[in-house]
Amino acid sequence: MSTKAKASTQGFGRALMGIYTVFAIASGFRAVYQVFAKFSVAPLAYSLSAVAALVYLVAVVALRRRSVAAWRVTLAVCIFELVGVLLVGTATMFEPQLFADETVWSLYGQGYGYFPLFLPILGIGWLVQPKVRREYGIG
């Protein structure tokens, strides 16, 4: 693989890792506060925010590694995140009474500029590129 191709995949991978890091920290602090300070107000919403924070944290760790296992974990996390955003986003649109407060994934991540919706799509798109797969050791 050329140095230029590797640099471009690593550059975008680093950008993804940076964005996931910001989301892990932001949603993590938010979830910790919500769970410990006011969990009884909206247990479902705050639990989902904690799940989102954990998903972002796992993505950061997996993106830092270059192995077949790390690629699989990252892809699985991105798919889980996308499904979660779509399910929670749809539920908060059509059944808002289920949620006493917003989650990171409410209304498809509206409170976070829709990044929670687009981030896993970008991640999946990046991961399935042949040059990225080769970097992770996938044939």
Foldseek 3Di string as FASTA:
>chain_A
DDPVLVVVLVVVLVVLLVVLVVLLVVLVVVLVCCCPPPCVQWVVQSVLSNVSSVLSVLLNVLSVDQAPVSLVSNLVSLVVLQVSLVVQCVCCVPPVVNGSDHHCSHVCNVVPVNCSNVSSVVSNVSSPDPVNCVRSVHD
